């Protein structure tokens, strides 16, 4: 159970919403987005290794870790192979890091849906605390709010040990300015808190030549762990693999050793064929780099149309700059939603999931108060219902001119417009 200050209004509202939903059937966690077609060159590597029936050792084999080293060094992050961890996906890797670090965990609000759930798996020995986050700085809390939260936790007898950042951010698709990232990390370092920077969406930035991005590990290499789930930009979600870089310090080595023990205890190892495909992708070969750029442009185009539909309906959302999601605040449509019996984000999730026929997770899954009426909208389901349609979207000069994205966007825009009309009547 998470330890929370009694006066926290967001948690109080969340508790009331949970009590209200007892006895009602709810949708489960958000379903994975349908992926784009597998890159042929990547499929060839996997197929060539399919005869390898074993798994990598816990933490990843030598070839996979060496590929991760090169990948990060080309992005300005120094690391050695003995400071790399690999696991079958981001969730088990983050779980191992949190279990190894001990203490309480600080999270931005909102944050990736699975972060707080990971902390709850460590209930009794860990607690999570959401820190207020400026709207334009998704994934990176306000530095002053962070310092205040740390002081409060310690006054209550807690032990803040980890700060999780999402740079660029899921779910908001925004990118905090480097100055804000530095200020937050300075507070964390001064307070003896290790930073975990989830950079899964780094290579999905829409305009990389125009966007200023610095990893926290470039600023504070001895206090920052970098985590990247390859499913963000390089490999299919059905081939789960993630890598982490720990600081090249005695403390970093100790953290890695403890995390390795957790991964071994969980049996969280990467299958050998997937490891070979991941190592190929991390080497940044031409086909992989080109596919990542084309996919980023595709999602950016659809995200832009999705953003306009949300604003046209009278709702709120920040312009997306990375990833394949949009975080929408439907608070201005509250009257229209209330007419349909929707008063919190759990009911909003139910309503839009049923209305649109695709998973639309509510803001409560990302740490927001249920009363905020926020949802995360994904671009992937708009690209087509079949692999052939998604391939067509990927290859199109303008995917919005194709029938399936156009119809899906019109369907979503109509659903939101209905709520806007009700709001004005």
Protein backbone atom coordinates (compact mmCIF):
# COMPACT_ATOMS: atom_id res chain seq x y z
CA UNK A 1 0.00 0.00 0.00
CA UNK A 2 1.41 3.39 -0.96
CA UNK A 3 2.29 5.73 1.89
CA UNK A 4 0.65 9.08 1.27
CA UNK A 5 0.20 12.23 3.31
CA UNK A 6 -3.36 12.50 4.64
CA UNK A 7 -3.81 15.95 3.18
CA UNK A 8 -3.02 14.86 -0.40
CA UNK A 9 -6.27 15.82 -2.25
CA UNK A 10 -5.39 13.88 -5.40
CA UNK A 11 -4.99 10.65 -3.46
CA UNK A 12 -8.18 11.35 -1.51
CA UNK A 13 -10.09 11.77 -4.77
CA UNK A 14 -8.54 8.57 -6.09
CA UNK A 15 -9.65 6.71 -2.99
CA UNK A 16 -13.21 7.99 -3.36
CA UNK A 17 -13.25 6.90 -7.01
CA UNK A 18 -12.01 3.43 -6.10
CA UNK A 19 -14.70 3.12 -3.46
CA UNK A 20 -17.35 4.26 -5.92
CA UNK A 21 -16.38 1.68 -8.51
CA UNK A 22 -16.81 -1.33 -6.22
CA UNK A 23 -19.24 -3.76 -7.71
CA UNK A 24 -18.87 -2.36 -11.21
CA UNK A 25 -17.14 -4.17 -14.04
CA UNK A 26 -14.12 -2.30 -15.33
CA UNK A 27 -11.91 -2.67 -18.35
CA UNK A 28 -8.49 -4.13 -17.66
CA UNK A 29 -5.16 -2.40 -18.28
CA UNK A 30 -4.72 -0.74 -21.67
CA UNK A 31 -4.18 -3.21 -24.49
CA UNK A 32 -0.88 -3.06 -26.38
CA UNK A 33 -1.03 -0.94 -29.51
CA UNK A 34 -0.93 -2.78 -32.82
CA UNK A 35 2.57 -2.47 -34.16
CA UNK A 36 3.89 -1.55 -37.57
CA UNK A 37 5.07 -4.34 -39.87
CA UNK A 38 8.32 -5.98 -38.81
CA UNK A 39 11.32 -4.59 -40.64
CA UNK A 40 12.43 -7.34 -43.10
CA UNK A 41 16.11 -7.04 -42.20
CA UNK A 42 15.24 -7.42 -38.52
CA UNK A 43 13.07 -10.43 -39.27
CA UNK A 44 15.94 -12.01 -41.21
CA UNK A 45 18.27 -11.71 -38.20
CA UNK A 46 15.70 -13.29 -35.92
CA UNK A 47 15.00 -16.08 -38.40
CA UNK A 48 18.71 -16.86 -38.79
CA UNK A 49 19.00 -17.24 -35.01
CA UNK A 50 15.81 -19.23 -34.50
CA UNK A 51 17.83 -22.42 -34.00
CA UNK A 52 19.30 -20.98 -30.81
CA UNK A 53 16.88 -22.35 -28.27
CA UNK A 54 18.56 -21.02 -25.15
CA UNK A 55 18.38 -17.71 -23.38
CA UNK A 56 20.95 -15.04 -22.68
CA UNK A 57 22.48 -15.02 -19.20
CA UNK A 58 20.74 -12.71 -16.69
CA UNK A 59 21.60 -9.14 -17.62
CA UNK A 60 22.33 -10.00 -21.25
CA UNK A 61 25.12 -11.65 -23.19
CA UNK A 62 28.33 -10.00 -24.36
CA UNK A 63 27.16 -9.16 -27.90
CA UNK A 64 23.92 -7.54 -26.76
CA UNK A 65 25.65 -5.47 -24.07
CA UNK A 66 28.39 -4.38 -26.47
CA UNK A 67 25.79 -3.25 -28.98
CA UNK A 68 24.08 -1.21 -26.26
CA UNK A 69 27.41 0.43 -25.40
CA UNK A 70 27.90 1.56 -28.99
CA UNK A 71 24.30 2.72 -29.25
CA UNK A 72 24.61 4.99 -26.22
CA UNK A 73 28.08 6.28 -27.11
CA UNK A 74 26.79 7.43 -30.49
CA UNK A 75 24.24 9.46 -28.52
CA UNK A 76 26.80 11.05 -26.25
CA UNK A 77 26.39 8.77 -23.22
CA UNK A 78 29.56 7.09 -21.97
CA UNK A 79 29.25 3.53 -20.74
CA UNK A 80 31.20 0.28 -20.50
CA UNK A 81 29.87 -3.22 -21.19
CA UNK A 82 30.20 -4.09 -17.51
CA UNK A 83 27.72 -1.30 -16.70
CA UNK A 84 24.89 -2.59 -18.92
CA UNK A 85 21.87 -4.69 -18.04
CA UNK A 86 19.39 -6.31 -20.43
CA UNK A 87 16.03 -7.87 -19.70
CA UNK A 88 12.92 -9.05 -21.59
CA UNK A 89 11.21 -5.66 -21.63
CA UNK A 90 11.11 -2.47 -19.63
CA UNK A 91 8.84 -3.64 -16.77
CA UNK A 92 11.06 -6.46 -15.45
CA UNK A 93 14.16 -4.32 -15.88
CA UNK A 94 12.70 -1.39 -13.94
CA UNK A 95 11.37 -3.77 -11.30
CA UNK A 96 14.86 -5.20 -10.81
CA UNK A 97 16.38 -1.73 -10.54
CA UNK A 98 13.80 -0.57 -7.99
CA UNK A 99 14.15 -3.74 -5.94
CA UNK A 100 17.94 -3.34 -6.01
CA UNK A 101 17.91 0.33 -5.05
CA UNK A 102 15.61 0.02 -2.04
CA UNK A 103 13.78 2.95 -0.49
CA UNK A 104 10.88 4.98 -1.82
CA UNK A 105 10.29 6.02 -5.42
CA UNK A 106 9.42 9.49 -6.74
CA UNK A 107 7.32 9.71 -9.90
CA UNK A 108 6.15 12.57 -12.13
CA UNK A 109 2.40 13.09 -12.49
CA UNK A 110 1.27 11.80 -14.94
CA UNK A 111 3.73 8.98 -15.62
CA UNK A 112 3.84 5.74 -17.64
CA UNK A 113 1.00 3.48 -16.55
CA UNK A 114 3.17 0.61 -15.40
CA UNK A 115 5.51 2.58 -13.13
CA UNK A 116 3.28 2.88 -10.07
CA UNK A 117 2.09 -0.70 -10.62
CA UNK A 118 5.70 -1.85 -10.43
CA UNK A 119 6.13 -0.09 -7.08
CA UNK A 120 2.93 -1.71 -5.77
CA UNK A 121 4.47 -5.12 -6.46
CA UNK A 122 7.07 -4.15 -3.87
CA UNK A 123 4.38 -3.09 -1.37
CA UNK A 124 5.52 -3.21 2.24
CA UNK A 125 9.10 -2.30 1.40
CA UNK A 126 8.57 0.55 -1.09
CA UNK A 127 6.20 3.46 -1.49
CA UNK A 128 5.65 5.75 -4.47
CA UNK A 129 5.09 9.48 -4.34
CA UNK A 130 3.86 11.50 -7.30
CA UNK A 131 5.46 14.92 -7.67
CA UNK A 132 3.61 17.80 -9.41
CA UNK A 133 4.80 18.26 -12.97
CA UNK A 134 4.47 21.43 -15.11
CA UNK A 135 2.10 20.87 -18.02
CA UNK A 136 4.75 21.64 -20.62
CA UNK A 137 7.36 19.42 -18.93
CA UNK A 138 5.73 16.00 -18.99
CA UNK A 139 7.88 13.32 -17.42
CA UNK A 140 10.01 15.76 -15.40
CA UNK A 141 8.68 17.12 -12.07
CA UNK A 142 8.97 20.70 -10.90
CA UNK A 143 12.32 21.02 -9.06
CA UNK A 144 10.86 22.97 -6.13
CA UNK A 145 7.97 20.53 -5.78
CA UNK A 146 10.51 17.69 -5.81
CA UNK A 147 12.49 19.24 -2.96
CA UNK A 148 9.31 19.83 -0.97
CA UNK A 149 8.14 16.26 -1.54
CA UNK A 150 11.50 14.81 -0.48
CA UNK A 151 11.41 16.87 2.72
CA UNK A 152 7.86 15.71 3.48
CA UNK A 153 8.69 12.05 2.87
CA UNK A 154 11.67 12.20 5.21
CA UNK A 155 9.62 13.99 7.86
CA UNK A 156 7.17 11.08 7.70
CA UNK A 157 9.98 8.55 8.14
CA UNK A 158 10.32 7.60 4.47
CA UNK A 159 13.51 6.92 2.51
CA UNK A 160 13.41 8.48 -0.98
CA UNK A 161 15.99 6.66 -3.10
CA UNK A 162 14.91 6.81 -6.76
CA UNK A 163 13.52 9.50 -9.04
CA UNK A 164 12.00 8.21 -12.29
CA UNK A 165 11.98 10.53 -15.29
CA UNK A 166 10.43 9.99 -18.72
CA UNK A 167 12.44 11.89 -21.35
CA UNK A 168 10.73 12.25 -23.86
CA UNK A 169 7.53 11.53 -22.03
CA UNK A 170 4.94 8.82 -22.17
CA UNK A 171 2.02 9.54 -21.81
CA UNK A 172 2.12 13.26 -22.70
CA UNK A 173 4.42 13.09 -25.78
CA UNK A 174 6.18 16.24 -24.57
CA UNK A 175 9.86 16.98 -23.98
CA UNK A 176 10.98 19.01 -20.99
CA UNK A 177 13.53 21.78 -21.67
CA UNK A 178 17.15 20.86 -20.82
CA UNK A 179 17.23 23.55 -18.13
CA UNK A 180 14.33 21.96 -16.28
CA UNK A 181 15.87 18.50 -16.58
CA UNK A 182 19.16 19.80 -15.19
CA UNK A 183 17.44 21.60 -12.30
CA UNK A 184 15.49 18.49 -11.29
CA UNK A 185 18.60 16.32 -11.46
CA UNK A 186 20.57 18.85 -9.41
CA UNK A 187 17.96 18.60 -6.65
CA UNK A 188 18.00 14.80 -6.78
CA UNK A 189 21.80 14.60 -6.72
CA UNK A 190 22.02 17.06 -3.84
CA UNK A 191 19.54 14.93 -1.89
CA UNK A 192 21.41 11.68 -2.58
CA UNK A 193 18.70 10.31 -4.87
CA UNK A 194 19.53 8.18 -7.91
CA UNK A 195 17.84 9.24 -11.15
CA UNK A 196 16.43 6.65 -13.57
CA UNK A 197 15.91 8.28 -16.98
CA UNK A 198 13.54 6.26 -19.17
CA UNK A 199 14.59 7.23 -22.70
CA UNK A 200 12.48 4.69 -24.55
CA UNK A 201 11.04 7.39 -26.83
CA UNK A 202 14.28 9.26 -27.55
CA UNK A 203 14.50 8.06 -31.14
CA UNK A 204 10.87 8.92 -31.87
CA UNK A 205 11.29 12.72 -31.61
CA UNK A 206 9.41 14.19 -34.55
CA UNK A 207 11.95 16.82 -35.57
CA UNK A 208 15.31 15.65 -34.20
CA UNK A 209 17.32 18.31 -36.06
CA UNK A 210 15.23 21.10 -34.52
CA UNK A 211 14.78 19.60 -31.05
CA UNK A 212 17.26 20.13 -28.23
CA UNK A 213 17.65 16.93 -26.24
CA UNK A 214 20.16 16.15 -23.51
CA UNK A 215 20.05 12.95 -21.53
CA UNK A 216 20.31 13.41 -17.75
CA UNK A 217 23.23 10.95 -18.01
CA UNK A 218 25.15 13.51 -20.07
CA UNK A 219 24.69 16.02 -17.26
CA UNK A 220 25.22 13.72 -14.27
CA UNK A 221 26.88 10.49 -15.51
CA UNK A 222 27.68 9.22 -12.00
CA UNK A 223 24.16 9.58 -10.62
CA UNK A 224 21.90 8.61 -13.54
CA UNK A 225 20.67 5.24 -14.77
CA UNK A 226 19.42 5.21 -18.37
CA UNK A 227 16.70 2.75 -19.35
CA UNK A 228 15.46 2.12 -22.88
CA UNK A 229 12.82 -0.32 -24.08
CA UNK A 230 13.61 -1.12 -27.70
CA UNK A 231 9.90 -1.46 -28.50
CA UNK A 232 9.72 2.34 -28.45
CA UNK A 233 11.50 2.78 -31.77
CA UNK A 234 13.35 -0.33 -32.94
CA UNK A 235 11.76 -3.74 -32.30
CA UNK A 236 8.23 -5.16 -32.18
CA UNK A 237 6.57 -5.21 -28.77
CA UNK A 238 6.19 -8.98 -29.19
CA UNK A 239 10.00 -9.29 -29.05
CA UNK A 240 10.47 -7.76 -25.58
CA UNK A 241 13.92 -6.47 -24.75
CA UNK A 242 15.16 -3.46 -22.81
CA UNK A 243 18.61 -2.26 -21.77
CA UNK A 244 19.86 -0.10 -18.91
CA UNK A 245 23.09 1.75 -18.32
CA UNK A 246 24.21 2.18 -14.70
CA UNK A 247 26.86 4.68 -13.49
CA UNK A 248 30.50 3.59 -13.74
CA UNK A 249 30.97 3.96 -9.98
CA UNK A 250 31.19 1.61 -7.02
CA UNK A 251 27.58 2.44 -6.19
CA UNK A 252 26.57 1.75 -9.80
CA UNK A 253 28.36 -1.60 -9.79
CA UNK A 254 26.62 -2.57 -6.55
CA UNK A 255 23.24 -1.56 -7.98
CA UNK A 256 23.89 -3.62 -11.11
CA UNK A 257 24.94 -6.68 -9.06
CA UNK A 258 21.77 -6.54 -6.96
CA UNK A 259 19.62 -6.02 -10.04
CA UNK A 260 21.25 -9.04 -11.67
CA UNK A 261 20.26 -11.12 -8.65
CA UNK A 262 16.65 -9.97 -9.02
CA UNK A 263 16.58 -10.73 -12.76
CA UNK A 264 18.03 -14.18 -12.11
CA UNK A 265 15.47 -14.86 -9.38
CA UNK A 266 12.67 -13.81 -11.75
CA UNK A 267 14.06 -15.84 -14.64
CA UNK A 268 13.90 -12.59 -16.61
CA UNK A 269 16.28 -13.43 -19.44
CA UNK A 270 16.18 -12.48 -23.11
CA UNK A 271 15.65 -15.35 -25.59
CA UNK A 272 18.73 -15.79 -27.76
CA UNK A 273 17.04 -15.04 -31.13
CA UNK A 274 15.50 -11.86 -29.74
CA UNK A 275 18.89 -10.86 -28.31
CA UNK A 276 20.48 -11.19 -31.74
CA UNK A 277 17.77 -9.07 -33.34
CA UNK A 278 18.11 -6.49 -30.56
CA UNK A 279 21.90 -6.35 -30.95
CA UNK A 280 21.44 -5.78 -34.68
CA UNK A 281 18.98 -2.94 -34.02
CA UNK A 282 21.22 -1.33 -31.39
CA UNK A 283 24.09 -1.22 -33.90
CA UNK A 284 22.02 1.45 -35.76
CA UNK A 285 22.28 -0.09 -39.24
CA UNK A 286 20.84 1.92 -42.12
CA UNK A 287 17.54 0.02 -42.47
CA UNK A 288 16.77 0.36 -38.75
CA UNK A 289 17.63 4.06 -38.63
CA UNK A 290 15.56 4.74 -41.75
CA UNK A 291 12.57 2.79 -40.43
CA UNK A 292 12.70 4.64 -37.10
CA UNK A 293 12.70 7.98 -38.93
CA UNK A 294 9.83 7.01 -41.24
CA UNK A 295 7.77 5.65 -38.34
CA UNK A 296 8.38 8.83 -36.31
CA UNK A 297 7.21 10.96 -39.23
CA UNK A 298 4.12 8.77 -39.69
CA UNK A 299 3.09 9.00 -36.05
CA UNK A 300 3.85 12.73 -36.01
CA UNK A 301 1.48 13.32 -38.93
CA UNK A 302 -1.33 11.38 -37.30
CA UNK A 303 -0.63 12.89 -33.87
CA UNK A 304 -1.01 16.34 -35.41
CA UNK A 305 -4.45 15.47 -36.78
CA UNK A 306 -5.43 13.89 -33.47
CA UNK A 307 -4.31 17.03 -31.63
CA UNK A 308 -6.44 19.23 -33.91
CA UNK A 309 -9.49 17.02 -33.36
CA UNK A 310 -9.11 17.32 -29.59
CA UNK A 311 -8.76 21.11 -29.73
CA UNK A 312 -11.63 21.49 -32.22
CA UNK A 313 -13.92 19.71 -29.76
CA UNK A 314 -13.03 22.22 -27.04
CA UNK A 315 -10.78 19.88 -25.06
CA UNK A 316 -7.13 20.49 -24.16
CA UNK A 317 -3.85 18.82 -25.15
CA UNK A 318 -0.27 19.96 -25.57
CA UNK A 319 1.30 19.68 -29.02
CA UNK A 320 3.06 16.29 -29.25
CA UNK A 321 6.77 16.27 -30.05
CA UNK A 322 7.63 12.55 -29.74
CA UNK A 323 6.21 9.06 -29.37
CA UNK A 324 2.83 7.86 -30.54
CA UNK A 325 0.39 9.11 -27.91
CA UNK A 326 -1.54 12.23 -27.01
CA UNK A 327 -2.63 13.10 -23.48
CA UNK A 328 -5.98 14.88 -23.62
CA UNK A 329 -7.76 16.79 -20.88
CA UNK A 330 -11.52 16.51 -21.49
CA UNK A 331 -12.32 18.63 -18.46
CA UNK A 332 -13.83 21.40 -20.64
CA UNK A 333 -16.32 18.77 -21.92
CA UNK A 334 -17.40 17.82 -18.42
CA UNK A 335 -21.04 18.85 -18.96
CA UNK A 336 -21.43 16.70 -22.05
CA UNK A 337 -19.78 13.79 -20.30
CA UNK A 338 -21.99 14.19 -17.24
CA UNK A 339 -25.04 13.88 -19.50
CA UNK A 340 -23.73 10.42 -20.36
CA UNK A 341 -23.07 9.45 -16.77
CA UNK A 342 -19.32 10.10 -16.97
CA UNK A 343 -17.94 11.92 -13.94
CA UNK A 344 -14.42 10.51 -13.45
CA UNK A 345 -11.61 9.09 -15.56
CA UNK A 346 -12.54 5.46 -14.89
CA UNK A 347 -16.01 6.11 -16.34
CA UNK A 348 -14.42 8.15 -19.13
CA UNK A 349 -12.18 5.21 -20.00
CA UNK A 350 -15.21 2.92 -20.14
CA UNK A 351 -17.22 5.34 -22.23
CA UNK A 352 -14.57 6.14 -24.86
CA UNK A 353 -13.31 2.56 -25.10
CA UNK A 354 -16.86 1.41 -25.88
CA UNK A 355 -17.61 4.41 -28.12
CA UNK A 356 -14.42 4.15 -30.19
CA UNK A 357 -13.91 0.38 -30.12
CA UNK A 358 -10.28 0.68 -29.03
CA UNK A 359 -8.47 0.95 -25.72
CA UNK A 360 -8.55 4.51 -24.33
CA UNK A 361 -6.92 4.40 -20.87
CA UNK A 362 -7.99 7.02 -18.38
CA UNK A 363 -5.68 9.39 -16.56
CA UNK A 364 -6.01 7.48 -13.28
CA UNK A 365 -3.79 4.80 -14.81
CA UNK A 366 -1.02 7.37 -15.19
CA UNK A 367 -1.16 8.75 -11.65
CA UNK A 368 -3.61 11.58 -12.30
CA UNK A 369 -6.63 12.18 -10.10
CA UNK A 370 -9.72 10.39 -11.50
CA UNK A 371 -11.56 13.68 -11.32
CA UNK A 372 -9.22 15.25 -13.87
CA UNK A 373 -11.02 13.59 -16.83
CA UNK A 374 -7.82 12.90 -18.74
CA UNK A 375 -7.20 10.11 -21.27
CA UNK A 376 -4.29 8.89 -23.34
CA UNK A 377 -5.09 8.59 -27.04
CA UNK A 378 -2.85 6.45 -29.25
CA UNK A 379 -2.04 6.93 -32.91
CA UNK A 380 -1.24 3.28 -33.66
CA UNK A 381 -4.89 2.08 -33.81
CA UNK A 382 -5.63 4.87 -36.31
CA UNK A 383 -3.16 3.50 -38.86
CA UNK A 384 -5.32 0.55 -39.85
CA UNK A 385 -7.01 -2.53 -38.47
CA UNK A 386 -4.91 -5.04 -40.40
CA UNK A 387 -1.18 -5.49 -41.09
CA UNK A 388 -1.81 -4.66 -44.75
CA UNK A 389 -3.49 -1.37 -43.87
CA UNK A 390 -0.71 -0.40 -41.47
CA UNK A 391 1.87 -1.21 -44.17
CA UNK A 392 -0.02 1.06 -46.54
CA UNK A 393 0.00 3.85 -43.94
CA UNK A 394 3.73 3.41 -43.44
CA UNK A 395 4.45 3.71 -47.14
CA UNK A 396 2.03 6.52 -47.95
CA UNK A 397 3.27 10.02 -48.71
CA UNK A 398 0.37 11.33 -46.64
CA UNK A 399 -1.34 8.69 -44.47
CA UNK A 400 -4.23 11.05 -43.74
CA UNK A 401 -5.36 10.69 -47.36
CA UNK A 402 -5.88 6.94 -46.93
CA UNK A 403 -9.39 5.67 -46.12
CA UNK A 404 -8.59 3.85 -42.87
CA UNK A 405 -6.76 6.65 -41.01
CA UNK A 406 -9.26 9.19 -42.31
CA UNK A 407 -12.25 7.13 -41.16
CA UNK A 408 -10.73 6.39 -37.77
CA UNK A 409 -9.89 10.05 -37.16
CA UNK A 410 -13.36 11.15 -38.30
CA UNK A 411 -14.92 8.62 -35.93
CA UNK A 412 -12.89 9.93 -33.01
CA UNK A 413 -13.51 13.56 -33.95
CA UNK A 414 -17.25 12.92 -34.13
CA UNK A 415 -17.28 11.31 -30.70
CA UNK A 416 -15.48 14.30 -29.19
CA UNK A 417 -17.60 16.81 -31.11
CA UNK A 418 -20.75 15.25 -29.66
CA UNK A 419 -19.46 16.04 -26.19
CA UNK A 420 -18.55 19.56 -27.24
CA UNK A 421 -22.02 20.24 -28.63
CA UNK A 422 -23.58 18.97 -25.44
CA UNK A 423 -21.30 21.29 -23.49
CA UNK A 424 -22.59 24.31 -25.40
CA UNK A 425 -26.31 23.44 -25.22
